[in-house]
Amino acid sequence: MGNDPTFSTDSSALWQQDGDFKSGFVTLIGRPNAGKSTLLNTVMGKKVAITSSTAQTTRHRFRAILTRDEFQMIIVDTPGLHKPHDALGEELNASALKALEDVDVIAFVVDASQPIGRGDEWVVEQLKSLDSKKICVLSKMDLVTSEQLAAQQKAAMDLLLWDAMVGLSSKTGYNVEAFVEEVSYLLPPGPAWFPTDMETDQPIEVVIAEFIREKILRSFTEEVPHAIGVAVDSLEYVRAKDLHRIRATIYVERESQKGIIIGKGGAAIKSIGTQARGDLELLLGTKVYLDLMVKVKKNWRRDENQIRRFGYGEGL
């Protein structure tokens, strides 16, 4: 993929460190739109996970790797836990809950600007029997008053005896480093599990597909985004031109949705491609030629095999 070190292919060997080095897995869990993916991007200092205000934005159990001199933190971003309405929703919930298994730290992310409700209580119930260290993260502090924050802190403390609690704002960066410090303190001693230059273990094709899907989520606000699946058909690096050629297919469930994505005279899909290309050029460090197609695959969200072919939930 050019010379971009972000997507390393060598994850077979443990990178030995001295005895003071700490390492471990940290799962971000919470309701949809709690701010998990935005927090992940802010911690990493670059965009590695897509974000939008649409539910089911995160469909993969995404792992990012933060390595510093003292620790290596493998951060697992998960789909927001919600009441499922189809096979896709059930698969995403299963993926999020599976990400709680055998991790060192669980970070329960709560939107500080929204009252803690039954959905949050249900998520915490899933955590109570687990041995992992648990930290409560009150996100979006830039949206609340000190009185609202105090009330949210009390409500969160009533749910569980946390090993740590941090209030932060991923948008402004406030207290994000405090979150990293708290998590690193809770990590056990251990080696670096991934090469020190590696920032995610996701296949590059999956990241590309997600960046394309993000632009659709942000361009359309009605039913269409939920019916979207994206797959990369081919990825080729042309060394002579320092260019990546990418062909990808956007799948929808109905012909009417196909028309919306394409738009009048192809205007909508052209806009999606232009927006996505900008992010992909930053991601890959080269120029990008992006060819997008739209196909109908009826009711794919109710087809477990198709869901997994897209790599959503426990797919791939």
C-alpha atoms as a PDB file:
ATOM      1  CA  MET A   1       0.000   0.000   0.000  1.00  0.00           C
ATOM      2  CA  GLY A   2       2.789   2.391  -0.907  1.00  0.00           C
ATOM      3  CA  ASN A   3       5.066   3.322   1.994  1.00  0.00           C
ATOM      4  CA  ASP A   4       2.341   4.038   4.552  1.00  0.00           C
ATOM      5  CA  PRO A   5       3.413   2.361   7.833  1.00  0.00           C
ATOM      6  CA  THR A   6      -0.066   2.565   9.353  1.00  0.00           C
ATOM      7  CA  PHE A   7      -1.166  -0.808   8.024  1.00  0.00           C
ATOM      8  CA  SER A   8       1.642  -3.159   8.970  1.00  0.00           C
ATOM      9  CA  THR A   9       1.430  -6.759   7.807  1.00  0.00           C
ATOM     10  CA  ASP A  10       3.794  -8.259  10.400  1.00  0.00           C
ATOM     11  CA  SER A  11       1.873  -9.010  13.593  1.00  0.00           C
ATOM     12  CA  SER A  12       3.339 -12.458  14.244  1.00  0.00           C
ATOM     13  CA  ALA A  13       6.088 -11.624  16.726  1.00  0.00           C
ATOM     14  CA  LEU A  14       5.885 -10.133  20.205  1.00  0.00           C
ATOM     15  CA  TRP A  15       8.054  -7.041  20.431  1.00  0.00           C
ATOM     16  CA  GLN A  16      10.029  -7.463  23.629  1.00  0.00           C
ATOM     17  CA  GLN A  17      10.232  -4.586  26.072  1.00  0.00           C
ATOM     18  CA  ASP A  18      11.770  -4.068  29.509  1.00  0.00           C
ATOM     19  CA  GLY A  19      10.059  -5.198  32.686  1.00  0.00           C
ATOM     20  CA  ASP A  20       8.303  -1.871  33.308  1.00  0.00           C
ATOM     21  CA  PHE A  21       6.456  -1.963  29.987  1.00  0.00           C
ATOM     22  CA  LYS A  22       2.670  -2.424  30.118  1.00  0.00           C
ATOM     23  CA  SER A  23       0.288  -3.649  27.450  1.00  0.00           C
ATOM     24  CA  GLY A  24      -3.274  -4.789  27.034  1.00  0.00           C
ATOM     25  CA  PHE A  25      -6.649  -4.596  25.344  1.00  0.00           C
ATOM     26  CA  VAL A  26      -9.164  -1.837  26.064  1.00  0.00           C
ATOM     27  CA  THR A  27     -12.748  -2.104  24.810  1.00  0.00           C
ATOM     28  CA  LEU A  28     -14.885   1.003  24.291  1.00  0.00           C
ATOM     29  CA  ILE A  29     -18.515   0.089  24.963  1.00  0.00           C
ATOM     30  CA  GLY A  30     -21.714   2.107  25.171  1.00  0.00           C
ATOM     31  CA  ARG A  31     -24.905   3.229  23.503  1.00  0.00           C
ATOM     32  CA  PRO A  32     -25.003   4.527  19.880  1.00  0.00           C
ATOM     33  CA  ASN A  33     -23.604   8.052  19.463  1.00  0.00           C
ATOM     34  CA  ALA A  34     -21.956   8.056  22.886  1.00  0.00           C
ATOM     35  CA  GLY A  35     -18.733   9.290  21.259  1.00  0.00           C
ATOM     36  CA  LYS A  36     -16.668   6.090  21.150  1.00  0.00           C
ATOM     37  CA  SER A  37     -15.266   6.437  17.623  1.00  0.00           C
ATOM     38  CA  THR A  38     -14.565  10.152  18.038  1.00  0.00           C
ATOM     39  CA  LEU A  39     -12.671   9.394  21.250  1.00  0.00           C
ATOM     40  CA  LEU A  40     -10.676   6.698  19.445  1.00  0.00           C
ATOM     41  CA  ASN A  41      -9.680   9.121  16.677  1.00  0.00           C
ATOM     42  CA  THR A  42      -8.676  11.807  19.186  1.00  0.00           C
ATOM     43  CA  VAL A  43      -6.573   9.369  21.201  1.00  0.00           C
ATOM     44  CA  MET A  44      -4.823   8.227  18.011  1.00  0.00           C
ATOM     45  CA  GLY A  45      -4.297  11.808  16.816  1.00  0.00           C
ATOM     46  CA  LYS A  46      -5.660  10.961  13.380  1.00  0.00           C
ATOM     47  CA  LYS A  47      -8.760   9.585  11.720  1.00  0.00           C
ATOM     48  CA  VAL A  48      -8.845   5.795  11.854  1.00  0.00           C
ATOM     49  CA  ALA A  49     -12.560   5.187  12.535  1.00  0.00           C
ATOM     50  CA  ILE A  50     -15.565   6.757  10.815  1.00  0.00           C
ATOM     51  CA  THR A  51     -18.050   8.939  12.665  1.00  0.00           C
ATOM     52  CA  SER A  52     -21.534  10.316  12.061  1.00  0.00           C
ATOM     53  CA  SER A  53     -24.724  11.035  13.991  1.00  0.00           C
ATOM     54  CA  THR A  54     -26.428   8.024  12.369  1.00  0.00           C
ATOM     55  CA  ALA A  55     -27.052   4.910  14.468  1.00  0.00           C
ATOM     56  CA  GLN A  56     -25.062   1.824  13.384  1.00  0.00           C
ATOM     57  CA  THR A  57     -22.241   4.003  12.061  1.00  0.00           C
ATOM     58  CA  THR A  58     -19.724   1.577  13.573  1.00  0.00           C
ATOM     59  CA  ARG A  59     -20.329  -1.887  12.121  1.00  0.00           C
ATOM     60  CA  HIS A  60     -16.913  -3.421  12.703  1.00  0.00           C
ATOM     61  CA  ARG A  61     -15.152  -4.338  15.912  1.00  0.00           C
ATOM     62  CA  PHE A  62     -12.320  -1.969  15.096  1.00  0.00           C
ATOM     63  CA  ARG A  63      -8.907  -2.172  16.778  1.00  0.00           C
ATOM     64  CA  ALA A  64      -6.419   0.687  16.949  1.00  0.00           C
ATOM     65  CA  ILE A  65      -2.956   0.393  18.482  1.00  0.00           C
ATOM     66  CA  LEU A  66      -1.426   3.196  20.538  1.00  0.00           C
ATOM     67  CA  THR A  67       2.243   2.559  21.337  1.00  0.00           C
ATOM     68  CA  ARG A  68       4.391   4.774  23.543  1.00  0.00           C
ATOM     69  CA  ASP A  69       7.670   4.234  25.382  1.00  0.00           C
ATOM     70  CA  GLU A  70       5.870   2.972  28.488  1.00  0.00           C
ATOM     71  CA  PHE A  71       2.951   0.988  27.059  1.00  0.00           C
ATOM     72  CA  GLN A  72       1.051  -0.450  24.119  1.00  0.00           C
ATOM     73  CA  MET A  73      -2.714   0.007  24.293  1.00  0.00           C
ATOM     74  CA  ILE A  74      -4.913  -1.929  21.863  1.00  0.00           C
ATOM     75  CA  ILE A  75      -8.198   0.009  21.750  1.00  0.00           C
ATOM     76  CA  VAL A  76     -11.264  -1.873  20.521  1.00  0.00           C
ATOM     77  CA  ASP A  77     -14.081   0.303  19.179  1.00  0.00           C
ATOM     78  CA  THR A  78     -17.456  -1.456  19.082  1.00  0.00           C
ATOM     79  CA  PRO A  79     -20.885  -0.928  17.516  1.00  0.00           C
ATOM     80  CA  GLY A  80     -23.270   0.931  19.823  1.00  0.00           C
ATOM     81  CA  LEU A  81     -25.485  -1.407  21.826  1.00  0.00           C
ATOM     82  CA  HIS A  82     -29.135  -0.912  20.894  1.00  0.00           C
ATOM     83  CA  LYS A  83     -32.450  -2.707  20.547  1.00  0.00           C
ATOM     84  CA  PRO A  84     -32.026  -4.609  17.257  1.00  0.00           C
ATOM     85  CA  HIS A  85     -34.658  -4.488  14.506  1.00  0.00           C
ATOM     86  CA  ASP A  86     -33.042  -6.900  12.037  1.00  0.00           C
ATOM     87  CA  ALA A  87     -30.270  -9.462  11.639  1.00  0.00           C
ATOM     88  CA  LEU A  88     -27.711  -6.703  11.158  1.00  0.00           C
ATOM     89  CA  GLY A  89     -28.619  -5.125  14.489  1.00  0.00           C
ATOM     90  CA  GLU A  90     -28.423  -8.502  16.228  1.00  0.00           C
ATOM     91  CA  GLU A  91     -25.013  -9.173  14.677  1.00  0.00           C
ATOM     92  CA  LEU A  92     -23.678  -5.762  15.763  1.00  0.00           C
ATOM     93  CA  ASN A  93     -24.863  -6.295  19.346  1.00  0.00           C
ATOM     94  CA  ALA A  94     -23.239  -9.735  19.390  1.00  0.00           C
ATOM     95  CA  SER A  95     -19.997  -8.231  18.115  1.00  0.00           C
ATOM     96  CA  ALA A  96     -19.991  -5.508  20.782  1.00  0.00           C
ATOM     97  CA  LEU A  97     -20.627  -7.969  23.604  1.00  0.00           C
ATOM     98  CA  LYS A  98     -18.003 -10.416  22.319  1.00  0.00           C
ATOM     99  CA  ALA A  99     -15.451  -7.591  22.467  1.00  0.00           C
ATOM    100  CA  LEU A 100     -15.848  -7.618  26.268  1.00  0.00           C
ATOM    101  CA  GLU A 101     -14.329 -11.098  26.514  1.00  0.00           C
ATOM    102  CA  ASP A 102     -10.752 -11.436  27.798  1.00  0.00           C
ATOM    103  CA  VAL A 103      -9.881  -7.730  27.745  1.00  0.00           C
ATOM    104  CA  ASP A 104      -7.885  -5.908  30.400  1.00  0.00           C
ATOM    105  CA  VAL A 105      -9.901  -2.716  30.621  1.00  0.00           C
ATOM    106  CA  ILE A 106     -13.497  -1.852  29.685  1.00  0.00           C
ATOM    107  CA  ALA A 107     -14.253   1.818  29.048  1.00  0.00           C
ATOM    108  CA  PHE A 108     -17.983   2.521  29.335  1.00  0.00           C
ATOM    109  CA  VAL A 109     -18.578   5.694  27.300  1.00  0.00           C
ATOM    110  CA  VAL A 110     -21.597   7.820  28.241  1.00  0.00           C
ATOM    111  CA  ASP A 111     -22.793  11.003  26.554  1.00  0.00           C
ATOM    112  CA  ALA A 112     -22.648  13.512  29.422  1.00  0.00           C
ATOM    113  CA  SER A 113     -25.255  15.687  27.699  1.00  0.00           C
ATOM    114  CA  GLN A 114     -27.921  12.952  27.800  1.00  0.00           C
ATOM    115  CA  PRO A 115     -29.505  11.523  30.966  1.00  0.00           C
ATOM    116  CA  ILE A 116     -28.434   7.990  31.834  1.00  0.00           C
ATOM    117  CA  GLY A 117     -31.323   5.713  30.903  1.00  0.00           C
ATOM    118  CA  ARG A 118     -32.410   2.100  30.833  1.00  0.00           C
ATOM    119  CA  GLY A 119     -30.207   1.384  27.822  1.00  0.00           C
ATOM    120  CA  ASP A 120     -27.114   2.486  29.758  1.00  0.00           C
ATOM    121  CA  GLU A 121     -28.239   0.468  32.772  1.00  0.00           C
ATOM    122  CA  TRP A 122     -28.574  -2.607  30.561  1.00  0.00           C
ATOM    123  CA  VAL A 123     -25.042  -2.145  29.215  1.00  0.00           C
ATOM    124  CA  VAL A 124     -23.638  -1.868  32.750  1.00  0.00           C
ATOM    125  CA  GLU A 125     -25.451  -5.075  33.736  1.00  0.00           C
ATOM    126  CA  GLN A 126     -23.390  -6.873  31.077  1.00  0.00           C
ATOM    127  CA  LEU A 127     -20.199  -5.616  32.759  1.00  0.00           C
ATOM    128  CA  LYS A 128     -20.865  -6.577  36.371  1.00  0.00           C
ATOM    129  CA  SER A 129     -19.792 -10.216  36.119  1.00  0.00           C
ATOM    130  CA  LEU A 130     -16.575  -9.449  34.220  1.00  0.00           C
ATOM    131  CA  ASP A 131     -13.146  -9.384  35.883  1.00  0.00           C
ATOM    132  CA  SER A 132     -11.735  -6.612  33.680  1.00  0.00           C
ATOM    133  CA  LYS A 133     -10.907  -3.213  35.145  1.00  0.00           C
ATOM    134  CA  LYS A 134     -13.713  -0.770  34.426  1.00  0.00           C
ATOM    135  CA  ILE A 135     -13.512   2.948  33.709  1.00  0.00           C
ATOM    136  CA  CYS A 136     -16.475   5.255  33.155  1.00  0.00           C
ATOM    137  CA  VAL A 137     -15.963   7.928  30.499  1.00  0.00           C
ATOM    138  CA  LEU A 138     -18.316  10.917  30.501  1.00  0.00           C
ATOM    139  CA  SER A 139     -17.942  12.259  26.963  1.00  0.00           C
ATOM    140  CA  LYS A 140     -19.003  15.505  25.270  1.00  0.00           C
ATOM    141  CA  MET A 141     -18.197  17.668  28.292  1.00  0.00           C
ATOM    142  CA  ASP A 142     -18.131  20.692  26.011  1.00  0.00           C
ATOM    143  CA  LEU A 143     -21.943  20.407  25.804  1.00  0.00           C
ATOM    144  CA  VAL A 144     -22.775  20.424  29.530  1.00  0.00           C
ATOM    145  CA  THR A 145     -22.789  22.762  32.511  1.00  0.00           C
ATOM    146  CA  SER A 146     -20.977  21.935  35.738  1.00  0.00           C
ATOM    147  CA  GLU A 147     -24.348  21.139  37.365  1.00  0.00           C
ATOM    148  CA  GLN A 148     -25.253  18.701  34.568  1.00  0.00           C
ATOM    149  CA  LEU A 149     -21.857  17.050  34.849  1.00  0.00           C
ATOM    150  CA  ALA A 150     -22.193  16.617  38.604  1.00  0.00           C
ATOM    151  CA  ALA A 151     -25.609  14.991  38.161  1.00  0.00           C
ATOM    152  CA  GLN A 152     -24.239  12.663  35.483  1.00  0.00           C
ATOM    153  CA  GLN A 153     -21.286  11.688  37.667  1.00  0.00           C
ATOM    154  CA  LYS A 154     -23.629  10.760  40.525  1.00  0.00           C
ATOM    155  CA  ALA A 155     -25.897   8.752  38.205  1.00  0.00           C
ATOM    156  CA  ALA A 156     -22.887   6.882  36.819  1.00  0.00           C
ATOM    157  CA  MET A 157     -21.500   6.121  40.283  1.00  0.00           C
ATOM    158  CA  ASP A 158     -24.870   4.706  41.295  1.00  0.00           C
ATOM    159  CA  LEU A 159     -24.584   2.141  38.473  1.00  0.00           C
ATOM    160  CA  LEU A 160     -21.268   0.525  39.428  1.00  0.00           C
ATOM    161  CA  LEU A 161     -18.144   0.859  41.549  1.00  0.00           C
ATOM    162  CA  TRP A 162     -15.733   2.020  38.829  1.00  0.00           C
ATOM    163  CA  ASP A 163     -11.957   1.648  38.950  1.00  0.00           C
ATOM    164  CA  ALA A 164     -11.727   5.149  37.470  1.00  0.00           C
ATOM    165  CA  MET A 165     -13.955   7.879  36.053  1.00  0.00           C
ATOM    166  CA  VAL A 166     -12.942  10.550  33.535  1.00  0.00           C
ATOM    167  CA  GLY A 167     -14.895  13.418  32.035  1.00  0.00           C
ATOM    168  CA  LEU A 168     -13.590  14.600  28.669  1.00  0.00           C
ATOM    169  CA  SER A 169     -14.347  16.243  25.346  1.00  0.00           C
ATOM    170  CA  SER A 170     -13.023  14.539  22.231  1.00  0.00           C
ATOM    171  CA  LYS A 171     -14.068  17.583  20.182  1.00  0.00           C
ATOM    172  CA  THR A 172     -11.834  20.006  22.104  1.00  0.00           C
ATOM    173  CA  GLY A 173      -9.314  17.439  23.325  1.00  0.00           C
ATOM    174  CA  TYR A 174     -10.004  18.332  26.953  1.00  0.00           C
ATOM    175  CA  ASN A 175      -8.888  15.577  29.358  1.00  0.00           C
ATOM    176  CA  VAL A 176      -8.339  12.999  26.607  1.00  0.00           C
ATOM    177  CA  GLU A 177      -4.760  12.555  27.763  1.00  0.00           C
ATOM    178  CA  ALA A 178      -6.094  11.969  31.285  1.00  0.00           C
ATOM    179  CA  PHE A 179      -8.148   9.105  29.874  1.00  0.00           C
ATOM    180  CA  VAL A 180      -5.032   7.604  28.268  1.00  0.00           C
ATOM    181  CA  GLU A 181      -3.128   7.927  31.552  1.00  0.00           C
ATOM    182  CA  GLU A 182      -5.914   6.282  33.568  1.00  0.00           C
ATOM    183  CA  VAL A 183      -6.165   3.363  31.150  1.00  0.00           C
ATOM    184  CA  SER A 184      -2.391   2.879  30.977  1.00  0.00           C
ATOM    185  CA  TYR A 185      -2.282   2.781  34.782  1.00  0.00           C
ATOM    186  CA  LEU A 186      -4.834  -0.061  34.749  1.00  0.00           C
ATOM    187  CA  LEU A 187      -2.976  -2.116  32.127  1.00  0.00           C
ATOM    188  CA  PRO A 188      -0.938  -5.139  33.287  1.00  0.00           C
ATOM    189  CA  PRO A 189       2.802  -5.577  32.594  1.00  0.00           C
ATOM    190  CA  GLY A 190       3.429  -7.214  29.245  1.00  0.00           C
ATOM    191  CA  PRO A 191       5.132  -7.057  25.846  1.00  0.00           C
ATOM    192  CA  ALA A 192       4.081  -5.085  22.778  1.00  0.00           C
ATOM    193  CA  TRP A 193       1.711  -7.424  20.952  1.00  0.00           C
ATOM    194  CA  PHE A 194       1.953  -5.536  17.649  1.00  0.00           C
ATOM    195  CA  PRO A 195       4.819  -3.860  15.766  1.00  0.00           C
ATOM    196  CA  THR A 196       5.435  -0.411  17.208  1.00  0.00           C
ATOM    197  CA  ASP A 197       4.672   1.346  13.881  1.00  0.00           C
ATOM    198  CA  MET A 198       1.274  -0.332  13.492  1.00  0.00           C
ATOM    199  CA  GLU A 199      -1.829   1.794  14.182  1.00  0.00           C
ATOM    200  CA  THR A 200      -4.662  -0.593  13.237  1.00  0.00           C
ATOM    201  CA  ASP A 201      -5.032  -4.273  12.472  1.00  0.00           C
ATOM    202  CA  GLN A 202      -7.955  -3.704  10.100  1.00  0.00           C
ATOM    203  CA  PRO A 203      -7.399  -4.767   6.459  1.00  0.00           C
ATOM    204  CA  ILE A 204      -6.855  -1.664   4.353  1.00  0.00           C
ATOM    205  CA  GLU A 205      -9.801  -2.631   2.116  1.00  0.00           C
ATOM    206  CA  VAL A 206     -12.124  -2.528   5.133  1.00  0.00           C
ATOM    207  CA  VAL A 207     -10.920   0.938   6.141  1.00  0.00           C
ATOM    208  CA  ILE A 208     -11.386   2.215   2.586  1.00  0.00           C
ATOM    209  CA  ALA A 209     -14.922   0.814   2.412  1.00  0.00           C
ATOM    210  CA  GLU A 210     -15.764   2.431   5.728  1.00  0.00           C
ATOM    211  CA  PHE A 211     -14.455   5.844   4.656  1.00  0.00           C
ATOM    212  CA  ILE A 212     -16.722   5.653   1.597  1.00  0.00           C
ATOM    213  CA  ARG A 213     -19.698   4.614   3.726  1.00  0.00           C
ATOM    214  CA  GLU A 214     -19.081   7.517   6.090  1.00  0.00           C
ATOM    215  CA  LYS A 215     -19.581  10.015   3.258  1.00  0.00           C
ATOM    216  CA  ILE A 216     -22.927   8.418   2.436  1.00  0.00           C
ATOM    217  CA  LEU A 217     -24.007   8.563   6.089  1.00  0.00           C
ATOM    218  CA  ARG A 218     -23.188  12.256   6.176  1.00  0.00           C
ATOM    219  CA  SER A 219     -24.839  13.026   2.840  1.00  0.00           C
ATOM    220  CA  PHE A 220     -28.203  11.338   3.479  1.00  0.00           C
ATOM    221  CA  THR A 221     -30.252  11.565   6.655  1.00  0.00           C
ATOM    222  CA  GLU A 222     -33.265   9.383   5.916  1.00  0.00           C
ATOM    223  CA  GLU A 223     -33.614   5.586   5.687  1.00  0.00           C
ATOM    224  CA  VAL A 224     -31.025   5.100   2.950  1.00  0.00           C
ATOM    225  CA  PRO A 225     -27.856   5.077   5.135  1.00  0.00           C
ATOM    226  CA  HIS A 226     -29.003   2.005   7.072  1.00  0.00           C
ATOM    227  CA  ALA A 227     -29.515   0.116   3.804  1.00  0.00           C
ATOM    228  CA  ILE A 228     -25.955   0.817   2.630  1.00  0.00           C
ATOM    229  CA  GLY A 229     -23.160  -1.731   2.479  1.00  0.00           C
ATOM    230  CA  VAL A 230     -19.818  -1.019   0.807  1.00  0.00           C
ATOM    231  CA  ALA A 231     -17.264  -3.499  -0.539  1.00  0.00           C
ATOM    232  CA  VAL A 232     -13.905  -2.804  -2.189  1.00  0.00           C
ATOM    233  CA  ASP A 233     -13.666  -4.855  -5.380  1.00  0.00           C
ATOM    234  CA  SER A 234     -10.071  -4.022  -6.300  1.00  0.00           C
ATOM    235  CA  LEU A 235      -7.150  -1.997  -4.988  1.00  0.00           C
ATOM    236  CA  GLU A 236      -4.078  -1.405  -7.121  1.00  0.00           C
ATOM    237  CA  TYR A 237      -1.007   0.729  -6.499  1.00  0.00           C
ATOM    238  CA  VAL A 238       0.480   2.247  -9.672  1.00  0.00           C
ATOM    239  CA  ARG A 239       4.054   2.991  -8.672  1.00  0.00           C
ATOM    240  CA  ALA A 240       4.941   5.014 -11.791  1.00  0.00           C
ATOM    241  CA  LYS A 241       2.169   7.515 -10.990  1.00  0.00           C
ATOM    242  CA  ASP A 242       2.245   7.143  -7.181  1.00  0.00           C
ATOM    243  CA  LEU A 243      -1.489   6.459  -7.472  1.00  0.00           C
ATOM    244  CA  HIS A 244      -3.970   4.005  -5.979  1.00  0.00           C
ATOM    245  CA  ARG A 245      -6.776   2.780  -8.232  1.00  0.00           C
ATOM    246  CA  ILE A 246      -9.783   1.758  -6.158  1.00  0.00           C
ATOM    247  CA  ARG A 247     -12.992   0.178  -7.417  1.00  0.00           C
ATOM    248  CA  ALA A 248     -15.780  -0.204  -4.900  1.00  0.00           C
ATOM    249  CA  THR A 249     -19.445  -1.147  -4.950  1.00  0.00           C
ATOM    250  CA  ILE A 250     -22.148   0.503  -2.863  1.00  0.00           C
ATOM    251  CA  TYR A 251     -24.954  -1.960  -2.152  1.00  0.00           C
ATOM    252  CA  VAL A 252     -28.532  -0.892  -1.434  1.00  0.00           C
ATOM    253  CA  GLU A 253     -31.714  -2.877  -0.850  1.00  0.00           C
ATOM    254  CA  ARG A 254     -34.096  -1.306  -3.383  1.00  0.00           C
ATOM    255  CA  GLU A 255     -34.006   0.299  -6.831  1.00  0.00           C
ATOM    256  CA  SER A 256     -35.396   3.555  -5.393  1.00  0.00           C
ATOM    257  CA  GLN A 257     -32.406   3.757  -3.043  1.00  0.00           C
ATOM    258  CA  LYS A 258     -30.045   3.207  -5.952  1.00  0.00           C
ATOM    259  CA  GLY A 259     -31.520   6.242  -7.671  1.00  0.00           C
ATOM    260  CA  ILE A 260     -31.053   8.372  -4.564  1.00  0.00           C
ATOM    261  CA  ILE A 261     -27.396   7.395  -4.170  1.00  0.00           C
ATOM    262  CA  ILE A 262     -26.641   8.070  -7.840  1.00  0.00           C
ATOM    263  CA  GLY A 263     -28.622  11.315  -7.899  1.00  0.00           C
ATOM    264  CA  LYS A 264     -29.774  13.392 -10.843  1.00  0.00           C
ATOM    265  CA  GLY A 265     -27.212  13.110 -13.612  1.00  0.00           C
ATOM    266  CA  GLY A 266     -24.910  11.217 -11.254  1.00  0.00           C
ATOM    267  CA  ALA A 267     -24.434  14.294  -9.049  1.00  0.00           C
ATOM    268  CA  ALA A 268     -24.861  12.526  -5.700  1.00  0.00           C
ATOM    269  CA  ILE A 269     -22.429   9.684  -6.305  1.00  0.00           C
ATOM    270  CA  LYS A 270     -19.916  12.133  -7.790  1.00  0.00           C
ATOM    271  CA  SER A 271     -20.090  14.171  -4.596  1.00  0.00           C
ATOM    272  CA  ILE A 272     -19.638  11.032  -2.468  1.00  0.00           C
ATOM    273  CA  GLY A 273     -16.590  10.071  -4.513  1.00  0.00           C
ATOM    274  CA  THR A 274     -15.040  13.531  -4.259  1.00  0.00           C
ATOM    275  CA  GLN A 275     -15.464  13.637  -0.482  1.00  0.00           C
ATOM    276  CA  ALA A 276     -14.163  10.101   0.010  1.00  0.00           C
ATOM    277  CA  ARG A 277     -11.168  10.646  -2.253  1.00  0.00           C
ATOM    278  CA  GLY A 278      -9.900  13.455  -0.023  1.00  0.00           C
ATOM    279  CA  ASP A 279      -9.829  11.208   3.050  1.00  0.00           C
ATOM    280  CA  LEU A 280      -8.403   8.274   1.112  1.00  0.00           C
ATOM    281  CA  GLU A 281      -5.506  10.356  -0.218  1.00  0.00           C
ATOM    282  CA  LEU A 282      -4.634  11.342   3.347  1.00  0.00           C
ATOM    283  CA  LEU A 283      -4.970   7.726   4.458  1.00  0.00           C
ATOM    284  CA  LEU A 284      -2.835   6.242   1.686  1.00  0.00           C
ATOM    285  CA  GLY A 285      -0.420   9.119   1.158  1.00  0.00           C
ATOM    286  CA  THR A 286      -0.879   9.042  -2.624  1.00  0.00           C
ATOM    287  CA  LYS A 287      -3.247  10.306  -5.276  1.00  0.00           C
ATOM    288  CA  VAL A 288      -6.393   8.198  -5.573  1.00  0.00           C
ATOM    289  CA  TYR A 289      -8.557   7.233  -8.536  1.00  0.00           C
ATOM    290  CA  LEU A 290     -11.897   6.105  -7.131  1.00  0.00           C
ATOM    291  CA  ASP A 291     -14.482   4.283  -9.236  1.00  0.00           C
ATOM    292  CA  LEU A 292     -17.836   3.748  -7.508  1.00  0.00           C
ATOM    293  CA  MET A 293     -20.709   1.524  -8.641  1.00  0.00           C
ATOM    294  CA  VAL A 294     -24.158   1.057  -7.076  1.00  0.00           C
ATOM    295  CA  LYS A 295     -25.913  -2.317  -7.017  1.00  0.00           C
ATOM    296  CA  VAL A 296     -29.137  -3.617  -5.492  1.00  0.00           C
ATOM    297  CA  LYS A 297     -28.968  -6.593  -3.111  1.00  0.00           C
ATOM    298  CA  LYS A 298     -32.474  -6.984  -1.760  1.00  0.00           C
ATOM    299  CA  ASN A 299     -32.957  -7.207   2.012  1.00  0.00           C
ATOM    300  CA  TRP A 300     -29.279  -7.824   2.695  1.00  0.00           C
ATOM    301  CA  ARG A 301     -29.674  -6.604   6.303  1.00  0.00           C
ATOM    302  CA  ARG A 302     -31.825  -9.672   7.008  1.00  0.00           C
ATOM    303  CA  ASP A 303     -29.297 -12.069   5.465  1.00  0.00           C
ATOM    304  CA  GLU A 304     -26.672 -13.177   8.000  1.00  0.00           C
ATOM    305  CA  ASN A 305     -24.406 -14.580   5.284  1.00  0.00           C
ATOM    306  CA  GLN A 306     -24.388 -11.286   3.382  1.00  0.00           C
ATOM    307  CA  ILE A 307     -23.805  -9.301   6.563  1.00  0.00           C
ATOM    308  CA  ARG A 308     -20.719 -11.360   7.260  1.00  0.00           C
ATOM    309  CA  ARG A 309     -19.530 -11.108   3.650  1.00  0.00           C
ATOM    310  CA  PHE A 310     -19.471  -7.342   4.158  1.00  0.00           C
ATOM    311  CA  GLY A 311     -17.385  -7.979   7.262  1.00  0.00           C
ATOM    312  CA  TYR A 312     -19.877  -6.382   9.653  1.00  0.00           C
ATOM    313  CA  GLY A 313     -20.198  -7.597  13.231  1.00  0.00           C
ATOM    314  CA  GLU A 314     -18.323 -10.871  13.508  1.00  0.00           C
ATOM    315  CA  GLY A 315     -17.756 -11.036   9.739  1.00  0.00           C
ATOM    316  CA  LEU A 316     -14.350 -11.363   8.079  1.00  0.00           C
END
